[in-house]
Amino acid sequence: MDRSADGRWARPVRFLREVRSELARVVWPTWRELRVFTVVVVATVVVLTAVVFALDVVFARIVLGLFGA
């Protein structure tokens, strides 16, 4: 397939223009919203990590109790 230089770059350039157009339509969060969302995410990760850790400890004790070690 013989492509000209213009044809080779037409699709990527069009794609990047469309990406830029879509990003202009995005409703970006305010700095306050961003901070609140960040705190919520970090708190959720901490709580879920604690839950998984607690379950791990409980199940480990059960397994060790059943099979002895």
PDB file of N, CA and C in Angstrom:
ATOM      1  N   MET A   1       0.830  -1.180   0.000  1.00  0.00           N
ATOM      2  CA  MET A   1       0.000   0.000   0.000  1.00  0.00           C
ATOM      3  C   MET A   1       0.873   1.241   0.000  1.00  0.00           C
ATOM      4  N   ASP A   2       0.688   2.071  -0.962  1.00  0.00           N
ATOM      5  CA  ASP A   2       1.487   3.291  -1.059  1.00  0.00           C
ATOM      6  C   ASP A   2       0.689   4.441  -0.461  1.00  0.00           C
ATOM      7  N   ARG A   3       1.162   4.926   0.706  1.00  0.00           N
ATOM      8  CA  ARG A   3       0.473   6.036   1.363  1.00  0.00           C
ATOM      9  C   ARG A   3       1.319   7.284   1.274  1.00  0.00           C
ATOM     10  N   SER A   4       0.659   8.385   1.062  1.00  0.00           N
ATOM     11  CA  SER A   4       1.385   9.649   1.064  1.00  0.00           C
ATOM     12  C   SER A   4       1.621  10.069   2.510  1.00  0.00           C
ATOM     13  N   ALA A   5       2.488  11.032   2.694  1.00  0.00           N
ATOM     14  CA  ALA A   5       2.799  11.506   4.043  1.00  0.00           C
ATOM     15  C   ALA A   5       1.552  12.082   4.706  1.00  0.00           C
ATOM     16  N   ASP A   6       0.722  12.768   3.933  1.00  0.00           N
ATOM     17  CA  ASP A   6      -0.509  13.350   4.489  1.00  0.00           C
ATOM     18  C   ASP A   6      -1.461  12.252   4.935  1.00  0.00           C
ATOM     19  N   GLY A   7      -1.611  11.215   4.156  1.00  0.00           N
ATOM     20  CA  GLY A   7      -2.518  10.125   4.488  1.00  0.00           C
ATOM     21  C   GLY A   7      -2.073   9.357   5.716  1.00  0.00           C
ATOM     22  N   ARG A   8      -0.782   9.266   5.902  1.00  0.00           N
ATOM     23  CA  ARG A   8      -0.247   8.520   7.041  1.00  0.00           C
ATOM     24  C   ARG A   8      -0.594   9.207   8.368  1.00  0.00           C
ATOM     25  N   TRP A   9      -0.620  10.537   8.380  1.00  0.00           N
ATOM     26  CA  TRP A   9      -0.840  11.284   9.615  1.00  0.00           C
ATOM     27  C   TRP A   9      -2.278  11.763   9.776  1.00  0.00           C
ATOM     28  N   ALA A  10      -3.115  11.557   8.787  1.00  0.00           N
ATOM     29  CA  ALA A  10      -4.479  12.098   8.843  1.00  0.00           C
ATOM     30  C   ALA A  10      -5.278  11.494   9.997  1.00  0.00           C
ATOM     31  N   ARG A  11      -5.235  10.176  10.137  1.00  0.00           N
ATOM     32  CA  ARG A  11      -6.024   9.527  11.193  1.00  0.00           C
ATOM     33  C   ARG A  11      -5.540   9.874  12.597  1.00  0.00           C
ATOM     34  N   PRO A  12      -4.232   9.797  12.867  1.00  0.00           N
ATOM     35  CA  PRO A  12      -3.783  10.181  14.219  1.00  0.00           C
ATOM     36  C   PRO A  12      -4.079  11.645  14.548  1.00  0.00           C
ATOM     37  N   VAL A  13      -3.938  12.533  13.585  1.00  0.00           N
ATOM     38  CA  VAL A  13      -4.212  13.950  13.824  1.00  0.00           C
ATOM     39  C   VAL A  13      -5.691  14.148  14.101  1.00  0.00           C
ATOM     40  N   ARG A  14      -6.550  13.482  13.326  1.00  0.00           N
ATOM     41  CA  ARG A  14      -7.992  13.582  13.563  1.00  0.00           C
ATOM     42  C   ARG A  14      -8.347  13.049  14.948  1.00  0.00           C
ATOM     43  N   PHE A  15      -7.744  11.929  15.328  1.00  0.00           N
ATOM     44  CA  PHE A  15      -7.987  11.347  16.646  1.00  0.00           C
ATOM     45  C   PHE A  15      -7.622  12.332  17.749  1.00  0.00           C
ATOM     46  N   LEU A  16      -6.439  12.946  17.645  1.00  0.00           N
ATOM     47  CA  LEU A  16      -6.004  13.891  18.668  1.00  0.00           C
ATOM     48  C   LEU A  16      -6.898  15.124  18.719  1.00  0.00           C
ATOM     49  N   ARG A  17      -7.385  15.584  17.584  1.00  0.00           N
ATOM     50  CA  ARG A  17      -8.318  16.715  17.569  1.00  0.00           C
ATOM     51  C   ARG A  17      -9.622  16.348  18.266  1.00  0.00           C
ATOM     52  N   GLU A  18     -10.106  15.129  18.024  1.00  0.00           N
ATOM     53  CA  GLU A  18     -11.338  14.683  18.671  1.00  0.00           C
ATOM     54  C   GLU A  18     -11.146  14.517  20.173  1.00  0.00           C
ATOM     55  N   VAL A  19      -9.977  14.026  20.583  1.00  0.00           N
ATOM     56  CA  VAL A  19      -9.681  13.907  22.017  1.00  0.00           C
ATOM     57  C   VAL A  19      -9.710  15.279  22.668  1.00  0.00           C
ATOM     58  N   ARG A  20      -9.065  16.237  22.025  1.00  0.00           N
ATOM     59  CA  ARG A  20      -9.042  17.602  22.569  1.00  0.00           C
ATOM     60  C   ARG A  20     -10.452  18.176  22.653  1.00  0.00           C
ATOM     61  N   SER A  21     -11.252  17.913  21.651  1.00  0.00           N
ATOM     62  CA  SER A  21     -12.632  18.396  21.645  1.00  0.00           C
ATOM     63  C   SER A  21     -13.432  17.775  22.793  1.00  0.00           C
ATOM     64  N   GLU A  22     -13.263  16.480  23.024  1.00  0.00           N
ATOM     65  CA  GLU A  22     -13.975  15.808  24.113  1.00  0.00           C
ATOM     66  C   GLU A  22     -13.512  16.316  25.472  1.00  0.00           C
ATOM     67  N   LEU A  23     -12.211  16.522  25.629  1.00  0.00           N
ATOM     68  CA  LEU A  23     -11.695  17.017  26.911  1.00  0.00           C
ATOM     69  C   LEU A  23     -12.209  18.417  27.224  1.00  0.00           C
ATOM     70  N   ALA A  24     -12.513  19.198  26.209  1.00  0.00           N
ATOM     71  CA  ALA A  24     -13.056  20.531  26.424  1.00  0.00           C
ATOM     72  C   ALA A  24     -14.476  20.450  26.984  1.00  0.00           C
ATOM     73  N   ARG A  25     -15.180  19.348  26.745  1.00  0.00           N
ATOM     74  CA  ARG A  25     -16.562  19.188  27.218  1.00  0.00           C
ATOM     75  C   ARG A  25     -16.644  18.595  28.626  1.00  0.00           C
ATOM     76  N   VAL A  26     -15.522  18.102  29.132  1.00  0.00           N
ATOM     77  CA  VAL A  26     -15.521  17.463  30.445  1.00  0.00           C
ATOM     78  C   VAL A  26     -15.774  18.513  31.519  1.00  0.00           C
ATOM     79  N   VAL A  27     -16.607  18.152  32.488  1.00  0.00           N
ATOM     80  CA  VAL A  27     -16.828  19.022  33.633  1.00  0.00           C
ATOM     81  C   VAL A  27     -15.825  18.604  34.700  1.00  0.00           C
ATOM     82  N   TRP A  28     -14.764  19.383  34.854  1.00  0.00           N
ATOM     83  CA  TRP A  28     -13.701  19.053  35.791  1.00  0.00           C
ATOM     84  C   TRP A  28     -14.110  19.430  37.199  1.00  0.00           C
ATOM     85  N   PRO A  29     -13.701  18.631  38.195  1.00  0.00           N
ATOM     86  CA  PRO A  29     -14.058  18.973  39.581  1.00  0.00           C
ATOM     87  C   PRO A  29     -13.293  20.207  40.061  1.00  0.00           C
ATOM     88  N   THR A  30     -13.912  20.885  41.023  1.00  0.00           N
ATOM     89  CA  THR A  30     -13.219  22.021  41.638  1.00  0.00           C
ATOM     90  C   THR A  30     -12.138  21.467  42.563  1.00  0.00           C
ATOM     91  N   TRP A  31     -11.245  22.370  43.033  1.00  0.00           N
ATOM     92  CA  TRP A  31     -10.183  21.922  43.941  1.00  0.00           C
ATOM     93  C   TRP A  31     -10.784  21.370  45.230  1.00  0.00           C
ATOM     94  N   ARG A  32     -11.867  21.986  45.710  1.00  0.00           N
ATOM     95  CA  ARG A  32     -12.514  21.506  46.936  1.00  0.00           C
ATOM     96  C   ARG A  32     -13.073  20.101  46.715  1.00  0.00           C
ATOM     97  N   GLU A  33     -13.770  19.907  45.606  1.00  0.00           N
ATOM     98  CA  GLU A  33     -14.310  18.578  45.297  1.00  0.00           C
ATOM     99  C   GLU A  33     -13.192  17.548  45.171  1.00  0.00           C
ATOM    100  N   LEU A  34     -12.106  17.941  44.548  1.00  0.00           N
ATOM    101  CA  LEU A  34     -10.979  17.034  44.373  1.00  0.00           C
ATOM    102  C   LEU A  34     -10.400  16.610  45.721  1.00  0.00           C
ATOM    103  N   ARG A  35     -10.258  17.556  46.629  1.00  0.00           N
ATOM    104  CA  ARG A  35      -9.754  17.228  47.972  1.00  0.00           C
ATOM    105  C   ARG A  35     -10.717  16.303  48.708  1.00  0.00           C
ATOM    106  N   VAL A  36     -12.022  16.597  48.628  1.00  0.00           N
ATOM    107  CA  VAL A  36     -13.020  15.759  49.306  1.00  0.00           C
ATOM    108  C   VAL A  36     -12.997  14.347  48.724  1.00  0.00           C
ATOM    109  N   PHE A  37     -12.974  14.230  47.416  1.00  0.00           N
ATOM    110  CA  PHE A  37     -12.951  12.905  46.781  1.00  0.00           C
ATOM    111  C   PHE A  37     -11.688  12.140  47.164  1.00  0.00           C
ATOM    112  N   THR A  38     -10.567  12.843  47.252  1.00  0.00           N
ATOM    113  CA  THR A  38      -9.306  12.205  47.619  1.00  0.00           C
ATOM    114  C   THR A  38      -9.377  11.664  49.042  1.00  0.00           C
ATOM    115  N   VAL A  39      -9.930  12.452  49.950  1.00  0.00           N
ATOM    116  CA  VAL A  39     -10.076  11.999  51.338  1.00  0.00           C
ATOM    117  C   VAL A  39     -10.991  10.779  51.400  1.00  0.00           C
ATOM    118  N   VAL A  40     -12.075  10.804  50.659  1.00  0.00           N
ATOM    119  CA  VAL A  40     -12.998   9.666  50.651  1.00  0.00           C
ATOM    120  C   VAL A  40     -12.299   8.410  50.133  1.00  0.00           C
ATOM    121  N   VAL A  41     -11.534   8.526  49.074  1.00  0.00           N
ATOM    122  CA  VAL A  41     -10.831   7.375  48.507  1.00  0.00           C
ATOM    123  C   VAL A  41      -9.798   6.839  49.488  1.00  0.00           C
ATOM    124  N   VAL A  42      -9.011   7.710  50.084  1.00  0.00           N
ATOM    125  CA  VAL A  42      -7.978   7.268  51.030  1.00  0.00           C
ATOM    126  C   VAL A  42      -8.630   6.611  52.242  1.00  0.00           C
ATOM    127  N   ALA A  43      -9.697   7.201  52.770  1.00  0.00           N
ATOM    128  CA  ALA A  43     -10.391   6.621  53.925  1.00  0.00           C
ATOM    129  C   ALA A  43     -10.964   5.252  53.576  1.00  0.00           C
ATOM    130  N   THR A  44     -11.551   5.122  52.408  1.00  0.00           N
ATOM    131  CA  THR A  44     -12.107   3.842  51.976  1.00  0.00           C
ATOM    132  C   THR A  44     -11.018   2.790  51.861  1.00  0.00           C
ATOM    133  N   VAL A  45      -9.886   3.148  51.297  1.00  0.00           N
ATOM    134  CA  VAL A  45      -8.777   2.206  51.166  1.00  0.00           C
ATOM    135  C   VAL A  45      -8.280   1.769  52.540  1.00  0.00           C
ATOM    136  N   VAL A  46      -8.164   2.703  53.474  1.00  0.00           N
ATOM    137  CA  VAL A  46      -7.697   2.370  54.821  1.00  0.00           C
ATOM    138  C   VAL A  46      -8.688   1.416  55.501  1.00  0.00           C
ATOM    139  N   VAL A  47      -9.975   1.714  55.430  1.00  0.00           N
ATOM    140  CA  VAL A  47     -10.988   0.863  56.075  1.00  0.00           C
ATOM    141  C   VAL A  47     -10.996  -0.526  55.453  1.00  0.00           C
ATOM    142  N   LEU A  48     -11.003  -0.610  54.136  1.00  0.00           N
ATOM    143  CA  LEU A  48     -11.027  -1.922  53.484  1.00  0.00           C
ATOM    144  C   LEU A  48      -9.749  -2.711  53.751  1.00  0.00           C
ATOM    145  N   THR A  49      -8.628  -2.033  53.833  1.00  0.00           N
ATOM    146  CA  THR A  49      -7.378  -2.715  54.172  1.00  0.00           C
ATOM    147  C   THR A  49      -7.463  -3.296  55.581  1.00  0.00           C
ATOM    148  N   ALA A  50      -8.024  -2.533  56.510  1.00  0.00           N
ATOM    149  CA  ALA A  50      -8.179  -3.024  57.881  1.00  0.00           C
ATOM    150  C   ALA A  50      -9.115  -4.228  57.931  1.00  0.00           C
ATOM    151  N   VAL A  51     -10.194  -4.190  57.165  1.00  0.00           N
ATOM    152  CA  VAL A  51     -11.140  -5.314  57.122  1.00  0.00           C
ATOM    153  C   VAL A  51     -10.449  -6.559  56.566  1.00  0.00           C
ATOM    154  N   VAL A  52      -9.739  -6.427  55.476  1.00  0.00           N
ATOM    155  CA  VAL A  52      -9.047  -7.574  54.877  1.00  0.00           C
ATOM    156  C   VAL A  52      -7.995  -8.112  55.837  1.00  0.00           C
ATOM    157  N   PHE A  53      -7.264  -7.237  56.519  1.00  0.00           N
ATOM    158  CA  PHE A  53      -6.260  -7.665  57.491  1.00  0.00           C
ATOM    159  C   PHE A  53      -6.920  -8.450  58.631  1.00  0.00           C
ATOM    160  N   ALA A  54      -8.032  -7.925  59.143  1.00  0.00           N
ATOM    161  CA  ALA A  54      -8.738  -8.605  60.232  1.00  0.00           C
ATOM    162  C   ALA A  54      -9.230  -9.981  59.791  1.00  0.00           C
ATOM    163  N   LEU A  55      -9.802 -10.066  58.600  1.00  0.00           N
ATOM    164  CA  LEU A  55     -10.262 -11.358  58.086  1.00  0.00           C
ATOM    165  C   LEU A  55      -9.091 -12.321  57.910  1.00  0.00           C
ATOM    166  N   ASP A  56      -7.969 -11.816  57.463  1.00  0.00           N
ATOM    167  CA  ASP A  56      -6.781 -12.650  57.288  1.00  0.00           C
ATOM    168  C   ASP A  56      -6.324 -13.222  58.631  1.00  0.00           C
ATOM    169  N   VAL A  57      -6.298 -12.388  59.648  1.00  0.00           N
ATOM    170  CA  VAL A  57      -5.884 -12.840  60.982  1.00  0.00           C
ATOM    171  C   VAL A  57      -6.858 -13.890  61.506  1.00  0.00           C
ATOM    172  N   VAL A  58      -8.158 -13.646  61.373  1.00  0.00           N
ATOM    173  CA  VAL A  58      -9.165 -14.589  61.863  1.00  0.00           C
ATOM    174  C   VAL A  58      -9.042 -15.920  61.132  1.00  0.00           C
ATOM    175  N   PHE A  59      -8.982 -15.901  59.820  1.00  0.00           N
ATOM    176  CA  PHE A  59      -8.893 -17.148  59.064  1.00  0.00           C
ATOM    177  C   PHE A  59      -7.576 -17.876  59.329  1.00  0.00           C
ATOM    178  N   ALA A  60      -6.506 -17.135  59.524  1.00  0.00           N
ATOM    179  CA  ALA A  60      -5.222 -17.771  59.829  1.00  0.00           C
ATOM    180  C   ALA A  60      -5.302 -18.511  61.169  1.00  0.00           C
ATOM    181  N   ARG A  61      -5.933 -17.895  62.160  1.00  0.00           N
ATOM    182  CA  ARG A  61      -6.082 -18.554  63.459  1.00  0.00           C
ATOM    183  C   ARG A  61      -6.959 -19.792  63.362  1.00  0.00           C
ATOM    184  N   ILE A  62      -8.021 -19.698  62.551  1.00  0.00           N
ATOM    185  CA  ILE A  62      -8.897 -20.862  62.368  1.00  0.00           C
ATOM    186  C   ILE A  62      -8.131 -22.001  61.724  1.00  0.00           C
ATOM    187  N   VAL A  63      -7.420 -21.715  60.645  1.00  0.00           N
ATOM    188  CA  VAL A  63      -6.667 -22.759  59.932  1.00  0.00           C
ATOM    189  C   VAL A  63      -5.588 -23.337  60.823  1.00  0.00           C
ATOM    190  N   LEU A  64      -4.857 -22.489  61.530  1.00  0.00           N
ATOM    191  CA  LEU A  64      -3.810 -22.985  62.422  1.00  0.00           C
ATOM    192  C   LEU A  64      -4.411 -23.804  63.576  1.00  0.00           C
ATOM    193  N   GLY A  65      -5.595 -23.391  64.016  1.00  0.00           N
ATOM    194  CA  GLY A  65      -6.272 -24.149  65.082  1.00  0.00           C
ATOM    195  C   GLY A  65      -6.717 -25.519  64.609  1.00  0.00           C
ATOM    196  N   LEU A  66      -7.161 -25.593  63.351  1.00  0.00           N
ATOM    197  CA  LEU A  66      -7.636 -26.880  62.808  1.00  0.00           C
ATOM    198  C   LEU A  66      -6.476 -27.839  62.504  1.00  0.00           C
ATOM    199  N   PHE A  67      -5.422 -27.314  61.923  1.00  0.00           N
ATOM    200  CA  PHE A  67      -4.331 -28.168  61.462  1.00  0.00           C
ATOM    201  C   PHE A  67      -3.109 -28.125  62.394  1.00  0.00           C
ATOM    202  N   GLY A  68      -3.112 -27.249  63.340  1.00  0.00           N
ATOM    203  CA  GLY A  68      -2.028 -27.149  64.306  1.00  0.00           C
ATOM    204  C   GLY A  68      -0.686 -26.859  63.658  1.00  0.00           C
ATOM    205  N   ALA A  69       0.012 -25.939  64.228  1.00  0.00           N
ATOM    206  CA  ALA A  69       1.330 -25.621  63.670  1.00  0.00           C
ATOM    207  C   ALA A  69       2.197 -25.021  64.727  1.00  0.00           C
TER     208      ALA A  69
END
